[in-house]
Amino acid sequence: MKQFIKKIAHIALLIAAFNVAAADYLDGIAAIVEEDVILDSELASEVQTIVARLQRQKIQLPEKEILYKQVLERLIIDKLQTQLAQRAGMQLSDEYVNISIEKIARSNRMSMETFKASLAAEGMSFADFQKNVRKEITINQLRSREIGARIKVSDQAVKHYLETTMSESDRSVQYLVGHILLSLPEGADATSIQEKTAEANSIVEQLRGGTDFKQLSVAKSESDTALKGGDLGWRTLRQLPSLFVDAVKGMRKGEVAAPIRSPSGFHILQLLDSTGNELHIISETHVRHILIKTNELINDDEAKKRLQIILARIADGDDFAVLAKANSKDTGSAIKGGDLSWVVPGLLVPAFEKSMDGLAINEISQPVQTQFGWHIIQVLGRRSKDNTEKFKFEQARDELRQRKIEEETELWLRRLRDEAYVDIRLGMLDE
């Protein structure tokens, strides 16, 4: 610990309490991770980002050595995952990353120019943001391949879960839960387990005594949500890890549960808030279309021209369904006169759905292009439908699957870390 504190003090002086640019001290290696390294500059830059976010959230900062240790551990885990992705040949094109960033900007109702200005105002360059997005997407794709692809949930499991696990009222309540993880390596000895047990009980006592949960999470937790204050976000009981359900179900707002033991270590939970859910009513659209595909003989102009001729014939009184059977290249719907039946939001491709949503009942669109070719679209009707039962079934399937993925991910990350060669240099100065 003395070595660690001396090293931290050295770095802290160089960055002047987080305010000196990381580029000013490209002077050392914080850790060797397999065949790669984490530089002091990388560590300090990430610390600056985390500090800025915690300050915006008004979360009290932990001691510098604790914060550096937390951030370094997260960088190590990220490094191991990106290395694994590289060895698997997983690569993202610049175009894919930029399209993902544009989606993020749109979801925040910003133009790219406004979004870049917002990043700059928070002290982050666009290049750094691109790098972070690339890393996050790569890690998510890796986890999907390594874990998600092998997680299956059968219809029978979903039915059993809905019938036996919880009441209707349980399914309609959302919980905001704080989480602290004190991890244990696989095969931990009795002394290590005893020490972690004592630490977990101490944290519970501090929380019950009024210590801020987010502050303790940043300082103590080894979960990947630690630097977010341990916030798991709003979830129903079905969306929480199964290990947490019984504890959370009986908790009152502000209550702290006793430590929960799992193969990963000790989990400490606090119920931050709870609220009810909304009903799920969906809008359905009865729609039909005629599709002309492009190929070596039919280009975009020719496809549109053919559809314009069909539109003119419909205007002259020809039947849409008959023309669809004779001309549409969507063989599945053509035999039904182009009828796609009743569709729900999100089922059809965005360009088709956008045009469809803008049509009045019985109105026919002008030619619309999608990745499948060119369409004319007619809306035959709209209705609202109570989709609650189907929604609950599919939601339960998704939540069961996500629960299994989270549990497997926690173990997978711990195993990845334990089996890797990691040489932490942050505490390697002379005694």
Protein backbone atom coordinates (compact mmCIF):
# COMPACT_ATOMS: atom_id res chain seq x y z
CA MET A 1 0.00 0.00 0.00
CA LYS A 2 2.89 2.41 0.76
CA GLN A 3 4.28 1.84 -2.74
CA PHE A 4 0.86 2.39 -4.25
CA ILE A 5 0.29 5.67 -2.38
CA LYS A 6 3.75 6.97 -3.34
CA LYS A 7 3.05 6.27 -6.99
CA ILE A 8 -0.36 7.91 -6.77
CA ALA A 9 1.16 10.95 -5.10
CA HIS A 10 3.67 11.18 -7.96
CA ILE A 11 0.95 11.09 -10.59
CA ALA A 12 -1.32 13.40 -8.60
CA LEU A 13 1.39 16.05 -8.52
CA LEU A 14 1.94 15.72 -12.24
CA ILE A 15 -1.73 16.22 -13.10
CA ALA A 16 -2.32 18.83 -10.39
CA ALA A 17 -5.39 17.33 -8.82
CA PHE A 18 -6.87 16.08 -12.12
CA ASN A 19 -6.52 19.38 -13.98
CA VAL A 20 -3.35 18.92 -16.04
CA ALA A 21 -3.71 17.41 -19.51
CA ALA A 22 -2.70 13.77 -19.75
CA ALA A 23 -0.33 14.51 -22.61
CA ASP A 24 1.92 16.44 -20.22
CA TYR A 25 3.35 13.31 -18.61
CA LEU A 26 3.72 10.41 -20.99
CA ASP A 27 6.17 8.93 -18.54
CA GLY A 28 5.41 5.42 -17.51
CA ILE A 29 3.48 2.17 -17.56
CA ALA A 30 0.61 1.70 -15.14
CA ALA A 31 0.09 -1.99 -15.97
CA ILE A 32 1.14 -4.73 -18.36
CA VAL A 33 -1.90 -6.65 -19.59
CA GLU A 34 -0.96 -9.80 -21.52
CA GLU A 35 0.93 -8.50 -24.59
CA ASP A 36 -0.20 -4.87 -24.18
CA VAL A 37 0.28 -2.02 -21.71
CA ILE A 38 -1.78 0.66 -20.01
CA LEU A 39 0.15 3.91 -19.82
CA ASP A 40 0.07 6.33 -16.92
CA SER A 41 -1.32 8.86 -19.39
CA GLU A 42 -4.23 6.57 -20.31
CA LEU A 43 -5.01 6.03 -16.66
CA ALA A 44 -4.91 9.73 -15.77
CA SER A 45 -7.03 10.67 -18.78
CA GLU A 46 -9.70 8.14 -17.80
CA VAL A 47 -9.56 9.35 -14.20
CA GLN A 48 -10.17 12.91 -15.39
CA THR A 49 -13.23 11.76 -17.32
CA ILE A 50 -14.61 9.83 -14.35
CA VAL A 51 -13.94 12.69 -11.94
CA ALA A 52 -15.76 15.16 -14.20
CA ARG A 53 -18.79 12.85 -14.37
CA LEU A 54 -18.87 12.21 -10.63
CA GLN A 55 -18.63 15.92 -9.96
CA ARG A 56 -21.54 16.62 -12.33
CA GLN A 57 -23.54 14.01 -10.41
CA LYS A 58 -22.43 15.60 -7.12
CA ILE A 59 -20.98 12.33 -5.86
CA GLN A 60 -18.19 12.79 -3.33
CA LEU A 61 -14.87 11.60 -4.72
CA PRO A 62 -13.06 8.77 -2.95
CA GLU A 63 -9.40 9.06 -1.99
CA LYS A 64 -7.15 9.33 -5.02
CA GLU A 65 -5.47 5.96 -4.55
CA ILE A 66 -8.86 4.22 -4.36
CA LEU A 67 -10.14 6.03 -7.43
CA TYR A 68 -7.01 5.20 -9.43
CA LYS A 69 -7.21 1.57 -8.38
CA GLN A 70 -10.88 1.37 -9.44
CA VAL A 71 -10.26 3.02 -12.80
CA LEU A 72 -7.16 0.95 -13.50
CA GLU A 73 -9.04 -2.27 -12.82
CA ARG A 74 -11.75 -1.23 -15.27
CA LEU A 75 -9.13 -0.40 -17.90
CA ILE A 76 -7.55 -3.83 -17.38
CA ILE A 77 -10.89 -5.60 -17.90
CA ASP A 78 -11.59 -3.51 -21.01
CA LYS A 79 -8.09 -4.22 -22.36
CA LEU A 80 -8.50 -7.98 -21.90
CA GLN A 81 -11.81 -7.92 -23.75
CA THR A 82 -10.51 -5.84 -26.67
CA GLN A 83 -7.49 -8.15 -26.96
CA LEU A 84 -9.80 -11.16 -27.09
CA ALA A 85 -11.87 -9.43 -29.78
CA GLN A 86 -8.75 -8.67 -31.81
CA ARG A 87 -7.58 -12.28 -31.62
CA ALA A 88 -11.02 -13.33 -32.86
CA GLY A 89 -10.66 -11.00 -35.86
CA MET A 90 -13.48 -8.68 -34.77
CA GLN A 91 -13.05 -5.30 -36.47
CA LEU A 92 -15.36 -2.31 -36.87
CA SER A 93 -15.21 -0.03 -39.88
CA ASP A 94 -14.97 3.72 -39.38
CA GLU A 95 -18.28 4.04 -41.22
CA TYR A 96 -20.03 1.71 -38.76
CA VAL A 97 -18.68 3.65 -35.78
CA ASN A 98 -19.68 7.01 -37.28
CA ILE A 99 -23.20 5.78 -38.06
CA SER A 100 -23.50 4.62 -34.44
CA ILE A 101 -22.42 8.07 -33.23
CA GLU A 102 -24.96 9.74 -35.51
CA LYS A 103 -27.67 7.56 -33.92
CA ILE A 104 -26.50 8.66 -30.47
CA ALA A 105 -26.68 12.30 -31.55
CA ARG A 106 -30.19 11.84 -32.99
CA SER A 107 -31.38 10.08 -29.84
CA ASN A 108 -30.29 13.19 -27.93
CA ARG A 109 -32.07 15.37 -30.51
CA MET A 110 -28.85 17.00 -31.67
CA SER A 111 -27.21 17.59 -35.01
CA MET A 112 -23.66 16.28 -35.33
CA GLU A 113 -22.32 19.84 -35.04
CA THR A 114 -24.29 20.44 -31.83
CA PHE A 115 -23.26 17.04 -30.49
CA LYS A 116 -19.57 17.73 -31.10
CA ALA A 117 -19.93 21.12 -29.39
CA SER A 118 -21.58 19.41 -26.41
CA LEU A 119 -18.68 16.96 -26.13
CA ALA A 120 -16.18 19.81 -26.28
CA ALA A 121 -18.06 21.66 -23.53
CA GLU A 122 -17.63 18.56 -21.34
CA GLY A 123 -13.90 18.45 -22.10
CA MET A 124 -13.96 15.46 -24.46
CA SER A 125 -12.59 15.54 -28.00
CA PHE A 126 -14.62 13.94 -30.77
CA ALA A 127 -11.69 11.63 -31.54
CA ASP A 128 -11.70 10.34 -27.94
CA PHE A 129 -15.47 9.83 -28.11
CA GLN A 130 -15.08 7.84 -31.34
CA LYS A 131 -12.45 5.69 -29.67
CA ASN A 132 -14.73 5.02 -26.68
CA VAL A 133 -17.70 4.16 -28.90
CA ARG A 134 -15.55 1.76 -30.92
CA LYS A 135 -14.39 0.07 -27.73
CA GLU A 136 -17.91 -0.22 -26.27
CA ILE A 137 -19.38 -1.67 -29.46
CA THR A 138 -16.50 -4.13 -29.79
CA ILE A 139 -16.90 -5.29 -26.19
CA ASN A 140 -20.67 -5.67 -26.60
CA GLN A 141 -20.20 -7.71 -29.76
CA LEU A 142 -17.61 -9.88 -28.02
CA ARG A 143 -19.91 -10.53 -25.08
CA SER A 144 -22.75 -11.33 -27.46
CA ARG A 145 -20.55 -13.90 -29.20
CA GLU A 146 -18.96 -15.40 -26.09
CA ILE A 147 -22.03 -15.39 -23.85
CA GLY A 148 -25.24 -14.27 -25.51
CA ALA A 149 -25.07 -16.73 -28.39
CA ARG A 150 -25.23 -19.72 -26.06
CA ILE A 151 -28.04 -18.44 -23.81
CA LYS A 152 -31.40 -19.93 -24.84
CA VAL A 153 -34.77 -19.60 -23.11
CA SER A 154 -37.51 -22.08 -24.06
CA ASP A 155 -41.25 -21.31 -24.25
CA GLN A 156 -41.77 -23.79 -21.42
CA ALA A 157 -39.30 -21.96 -19.19
CA VAL A 158 -41.09 -18.65 -19.86
CA LYS A 159 -44.51 -20.17 -19.08
CA HIS A 160 -43.22 -21.71 -15.86
CA TYR A 161 -41.62 -18.43 -14.89
CA LEU A 162 -44.79 -16.41 -15.48
CA GLU A 163 -46.93 -18.95 -13.64
CA THR A 164 -44.79 -19.53 -10.57
CA THR A 165 -42.24 -16.81 -10.01
CA MET A 166 -44.22 -13.70 -9.11
CA SER A 167 -47.65 -12.16 -8.85
CA GLU A 168 -49.22 -9.69 -11.29
CA SER A 169 -48.46 -6.82 -8.92
CA ASP A 170 -44.80 -7.85 -8.81
CA ARG A 171 -44.64 -7.71 -12.60
CA SER A 172 -46.03 -4.16 -12.71
CA VAL A 173 -43.57 -2.54 -10.30
CA GLN A 174 -40.17 -1.13 -11.22
CA TYR A 175 -37.28 -0.83 -8.78
CA LEU A 176 -34.27 1.46 -8.75
CA VAL A 177 -31.56 -0.60 -7.06
CA GLY A 178 -28.04 0.31 -5.99
CA HIS A 179 -25.45 -2.48 -6.14
CA ILE A 180 -21.99 -2.96 -4.63
CA LEU A 181 -19.90 -6.04 -5.45
CA LEU A 182 -17.00 -7.26 -3.36
CA SER A 183 -15.53 -9.92 -5.58
CA LEU A 184 -13.86 -13.19 -4.64
CA PRO A 185 -11.58 -15.21 -6.93
CA GLU A 186 -12.60 -18.74 -7.81
CA GLY A 187 -11.43 -21.17 -5.13
CA ALA A 188 -10.91 -18.44 -2.52
CA ASP A 189 -9.56 -19.75 0.78
CA ALA A 190 -11.33 -19.46 4.12
CA THR A 191 -9.29 -16.45 5.24
CA SER A 192 -10.16 -14.46 2.12
CA ILE A 193 -13.83 -15.31 2.48
CA GLN A 194 -13.79 -14.28 6.13
CA GLU A 195 -12.13 -10.95 5.30
CA LYS A 196 -14.64 -10.19 2.53
CA THR A 197 -17.52 -11.13 4.83
CA ALA A 198 -16.30 -8.66 7.43
CA GLU A 199 -15.84 -5.94 4.80
CA ALA A 200 -19.34 -6.54 3.40
CA ASN A 201 -20.92 -6.35 6.85
CA SER A 202 -19.01 -3.14 7.55
CA ILE A 203 -20.31 -1.54 4.34
CA VAL A 204 -23.88 -2.53 5.20
CA GLU A 205 -23.48 -0.94 8.65
CA GLN A 206 -22.14 2.26 7.07
CA LEU A 207 -25.03 2.44 4.62
CA ARG A 208 -27.59 1.81 7.34
CA GLY A 209 -25.90 4.56 9.30
CA GLY A 210 -26.54 7.06 6.50
CA THR A 211 -23.38 6.93 4.36
CA ASP A 212 -24.11 7.85 0.74
CA PHE A 213 -24.53 4.71 -1.39
CA LYS A 214 -23.01 6.18 -4.56
CA GLN A 215 -19.94 7.35 -2.67
CA LEU A 216 -19.34 3.89 -1.19
CA SER A 217 -19.96 2.22 -4.55
CA VAL A 218 -17.31 4.37 -6.24
CA ALA A 219 -14.88 3.68 -3.41
CA LYS A 220 -15.53 -0.02 -2.76
CA SER A 221 -17.46 -1.81 -5.50
CA GLU A 222 -15.79 -4.06 -8.05
CA SER A 223 -18.85 -4.19 -10.30
CA ASP A 224 -18.78 -2.58 -13.75
CA THR A 225 -21.40 -0.13 -12.43
CA ALA A 226 -19.12 1.06 -9.61
CA LEU A 227 -18.06 4.29 -11.30
CA LYS A 228 -21.73 5.06 -12.00
CA GLY A 229 -22.47 5.02 -8.30
CA GLY A 230 -23.68 1.40 -8.41
CA ASP A 231 -26.96 2.39 -10.10
CA LEU A 232 -28.51 -0.62 -11.90
CA GLY A 233 -31.22 1.55 -13.49
CA TRP A 234 -35.00 1.04 -13.34
CA ARG A 235 -35.92 -2.65 -13.54
CA THR A 236 -38.82 -4.93 -12.77
CA LEU A 237 -38.17 -7.91 -10.54
CA ARG A 238 -38.00 -10.00 -13.70
CA GLN A 239 -35.16 -7.84 -14.99
CA LEU A 240 -33.06 -8.15 -11.85
CA PRO A 241 -30.57 -11.00 -11.39
CA SER A 242 -32.50 -13.89 -9.82
CA LEU A 243 -30.12 -13.78 -6.87
CA PHE A 244 -31.47 -10.31 -5.94
CA VAL A 245 -35.22 -10.88 -6.38
CA ASP A 246 -36.17 -12.18 -2.92
CA ALA A 247 -34.19 -9.44 -1.17
CA VAL A 248 -35.49 -6.55 -3.30
CA LYS A 249 -39.09 -7.77 -3.27
CA GLY A 250 -39.44 -7.23 0.46
CA MET A 251 -37.42 -4.00 0.77
CA ARG A 252 -38.68 -0.51 1.53
CA LYS A 253 -37.25 2.61 -0.08
CA GLY A 254 -33.83 3.38 1.41
CA GLU A 255 -33.48 -0.06 3.01
CA VAL A 256 -30.18 -1.94 2.75
CA ALA A 257 -30.23 -5.74 2.48
CA ALA A 258 -27.82 -8.04 4.24
CA PRO A 259 -24.87 -9.14 2.06
CA ILE A 260 -25.75 -11.78 -0.52
CA ARG A 261 -23.14 -14.42 -1.36
CA SER A 262 -22.66 -15.70 -4.92
CA PRO A 263 -19.82 -17.41 -6.84
CA SER A 264 -18.62 -13.91 -7.78
CA GLY A 265 -18.39 -12.62 -4.23
CA PHE A 266 -20.65 -10.54 -1.95
CA HIS A 267 -23.44 -8.30 -3.24
CA ILE A 268 -24.80 -5.37 -1.26
CA LEU A 269 -28.14 -3.85 -2.33
CA GLN A 270 -30.05 -0.72 -1.44
CA LEU A 271 -33.53 0.07 -2.74
CA LEU A 272 -33.24 3.65 -3.98
CA ASP A 273 -36.83 3.99 -5.27
CA SER A 274 -39.77 2.12 -6.82
CA THR A 275 -42.72 2.92 -9.07
CA GLY A 276 -45.50 1.28 -11.16
CA ASN A 277 -45.50 0.34 -14.85
CA GLU A 278 -47.79 1.44 -17.70
CA LEU A 279 -50.20 -0.73 -19.67
CA HIS A 280 -49.09 -1.90 -23.12
CA ILE A 281 -51.53 -1.01 -25.89
CA ILE A 282 -50.22 -1.20 -29.45
CA SER A 283 -51.41 0.31 -32.74
CA GLU A 284 -51.74 -2.11 -35.65
CA THR A 285 -51.90 -1.20 -39.34
CA HIS A 286 -53.49 -3.30 -42.06
CA VAL A 287 -51.28 -2.72 -45.10
CA ARG A 288 -50.62 -4.09 -48.57
CA HIS A 289 -47.95 -3.31 -51.14
CA ILE A 290 -46.52 -3.99 -54.55
CA LEU A 291 -42.75 -4.51 -54.79
CA ILE A 292 -40.51 -4.08 -57.83
CA LYS A 293 -36.94 -5.28 -57.21
CA THR A 294 -33.89 -3.79 -58.93
CA ASN A 295 -31.37 -6.00 -60.72
CA GLU A 296 -29.06 -5.98 -63.74
CA LEU A 297 -32.00 -5.28 -66.05
CA ILE A 298 -34.13 -3.05 -63.81
CA ASN A 299 -32.49 0.03 -62.30
CA ASP A 300 -34.06 2.52 -59.89
CA ASP A 301 -35.56 4.67 -62.64
CA GLU A 302 -37.10 1.67 -64.39
CA ALA A 303 -38.54 0.33 -61.11
CA LYS A 304 -40.16 3.68 -60.31
CA LYS A 305 -41.47 3.96 -63.88
CA ARG A 306 -43.17 0.55 -63.60
CA LEU A 307 -44.79 1.53 -60.32
CA GLN A 308 -46.01 4.83 -61.79
CA ILE A 309 -47.72 2.85 -64.57
CA ILE A 310 -49.35 0.61 -61.95
CA LEU A 311 -50.51 3.70 -60.01
CA ALA A 312 -52.07 5.10 -63.16
CA ARG A 313 -53.92 1.81 -63.76
CA ILE A 314 -55.26 1.84 -60.19
CA ALA A 315 -56.42 5.42 -60.69
CA ASP A 316 -58.26 4.23 -63.84
CA GLY A 317 -60.09 1.58 -61.79
CA ASP A 318 -57.89 -1.52 -61.92
CA ASP A 319 -57.87 -3.60 -58.75
CA PHE A 320 -54.80 -3.25 -56.47
CA ALA A 321 -54.89 -6.92 -55.48
CA VAL A 322 -55.01 -8.16 -59.06
CA LEU A 323 -52.08 -5.91 -60.03
CA ALA A 324 -50.13 -7.09 -56.99
CA LYS A 325 -50.60 -10.74 -57.94
CA ALA A 326 -49.38 -10.00 -61.47
CA ASN A 327 -46.50 -7.61 -60.73
CA SER A 328 -45.23 -7.76 -57.13
CA LYS A 329 -41.92 -9.49 -56.55
CA ASP A 330 -42.71 -10.13 -52.89
CA THR A 331 -43.85 -13.68 -53.56
CA GLY A 332 -45.11 -14.23 -50.03
CA SER A 333 -47.65 -11.39 -50.18
CA ALA A 334 -48.25 -11.31 -53.95
CA ILE A 335 -50.44 -14.44 -53.89
CA LYS A 336 -52.59 -12.61 -51.28
CA GLY A 337 -52.96 -9.50 -53.42
CA GLY A 338 -50.00 -7.79 -51.74
CA ASP A 339 -51.64 -8.09 -48.31
CA LEU A 340 -49.18 -7.99 -45.36
CA SER A 341 -52.11 -8.29 -42.92
CA TRP A 342 -52.00 -6.43 -39.59
CA VAL A 343 -48.51 -5.26 -38.62
CA VAL A 344 -47.17 -3.79 -35.39
CA PRO A 345 -44.63 -0.94 -35.03
CA GLY A 346 -41.06 -2.05 -35.66
CA LEU A 347 -41.97 -5.11 -37.73
CA LEU A 348 -41.26 -3.51 -41.12
CA VAL A 349 -38.14 -1.72 -42.33
CA PRO A 350 -37.95 1.99 -41.29
CA ALA A 351 -38.42 3.58 -44.76
CA PHE A 352 -41.50 1.43 -45.44
CA GLU A 353 -42.96 2.05 -42.00
CA LYS A 354 -42.37 5.81 -42.17
CA SER A 355 -44.24 6.07 -45.47
CA MET A 356 -47.02 3.78 -44.21
CA ASP A 357 -47.51 5.82 -41.05
CA GLY A 358 -47.97 8.99 -43.11
CA LEU A 359 -50.85 7.55 -45.20
CA ALA A 360 -54.54 7.98 -44.57
CA ILE A 361 -56.76 4.88 -44.73
CA ASN A 362 -57.13 3.70 -48.35
CA GLU A 363 -54.49 6.19 -49.54
CA ILE A 364 -51.75 4.81 -51.83
CA SER A 365 -48.18 6.09 -51.58
CA GLN A 366 -45.88 7.26 -54.31
CA PRO A 367 -42.96 4.86 -54.98
CA VAL A 368 -40.89 4.28 -51.82
CA GLN A 369 -37.38 2.83 -51.80
CA THR A 370 -36.12 0.32 -49.22
CA GLN A 371 -33.23 -2.13 -49.23
CA PHE A 372 -35.57 -4.64 -50.90
CA GLY A 373 -36.45 -2.45 -53.88
CA TRP A 374 -39.28 -0.01 -54.72
CA HIS A 375 -42.81 -0.22 -53.28
CA ILE A 376 -46.20 1.37 -53.51
CA ILE A 377 -48.08 1.05 -50.24
CA GLN A 378 -51.75 1.19 -49.30
CA VAL A 379 -53.13 1.37 -45.75
CA LEU A 380 -56.42 -0.53 -45.42
CA GLY A 381 -57.11 0.09 -41.73
CA ARG A 382 -55.79 0.93 -38.26
CA ARG A 383 -56.72 -0.33 -34.81
CA SER A 384 -55.56 -0.33 -31.22
CA LYS A 385 -54.98 -3.70 -29.61
CA ASP A 386 -54.34 -4.85 -26.08
CA ASN A 387 -51.08 -6.75 -26.57
CA THR A 388 -50.45 -7.22 -22.87
CA GLU A 389 -50.29 -11.02 -22.73
CA LYS A 390 -48.01 -11.41 -25.74
CA PHE A 391 -45.93 -8.46 -24.59
CA LYS A 392 -45.53 -9.97 -21.13
CA PHE A 393 -44.54 -13.32 -22.60
CA GLU A 394 -41.87 -11.88 -24.88
CA GLN A 395 -40.72 -9.45 -22.20
CA ALA A 396 -40.38 -12.35 -19.77
CA ARG A 397 -38.32 -14.26 -22.33
CA ASP A 398 -36.06 -11.26 -22.89
CA GLU A 399 -35.70 -10.63 -19.18
CA LEU A 400 -34.93 -14.26 -18.37
CA ARG A 401 -32.33 -14.26 -21.11
CA GLN A 402 -30.84 -10.96 -19.94
CA ARG A 403 -30.73 -12.21 -16.37
CA LYS A 404 -28.80 -15.30 -17.46
CA ILE A 405 -26.48 -13.18 -19.59
CA GLU A 406 -25.69 -10.85 -16.67
CA GLU A 407 -24.97 -13.73 -14.33
CA GLU A 408 -22.76 -15.45 -16.91
CA THR A 409 -21.00 -12.19 -17.81
CA GLU A 410 -20.04 -11.54 -14.21
CA LEU A 411 -18.46 -14.98 -13.91
CA TRP A 412 -16.88 -14.76 -17.38
CA LEU A 413 -15.20 -11.42 -16.61
CA ARG A 414 -13.88 -12.67 -13.28
CA ARG A 415 -12.48 -15.79 -14.95
CA LEU A 416 -10.96 -13.71 -17.75
CA ARG A 417 -9.24 -11.48 -15.19
CA ASP A 418 -8.04 -14.33 -12.99
CA GLU A 419 -6.54 -16.31 -15.88
CA ALA A 420 -4.79 -13.35 -17.54
CA TYR A 421 -1.22 -12.18 -17.07
CA VAL A 422 -1.48 -8.75 -15.43
CA ASP A 423 1.50 -6.92 -13.94
CA ILE A 424 0.35 -3.78 -12.12
CA ARG A 425 3.17 -1.23 -12.03
CA LEU A 426 1.19 1.43 -10.19
CA GLY A 427 2.65 0.24 -6.93
CA MET A 428 6.06 -0.99 -8.07
CA LEU A 429 8.28 1.80 -6.71
CA ASP A 430 10.90 1.13 -4.09
CA GLU A 431 9.61 0.33 -0.62
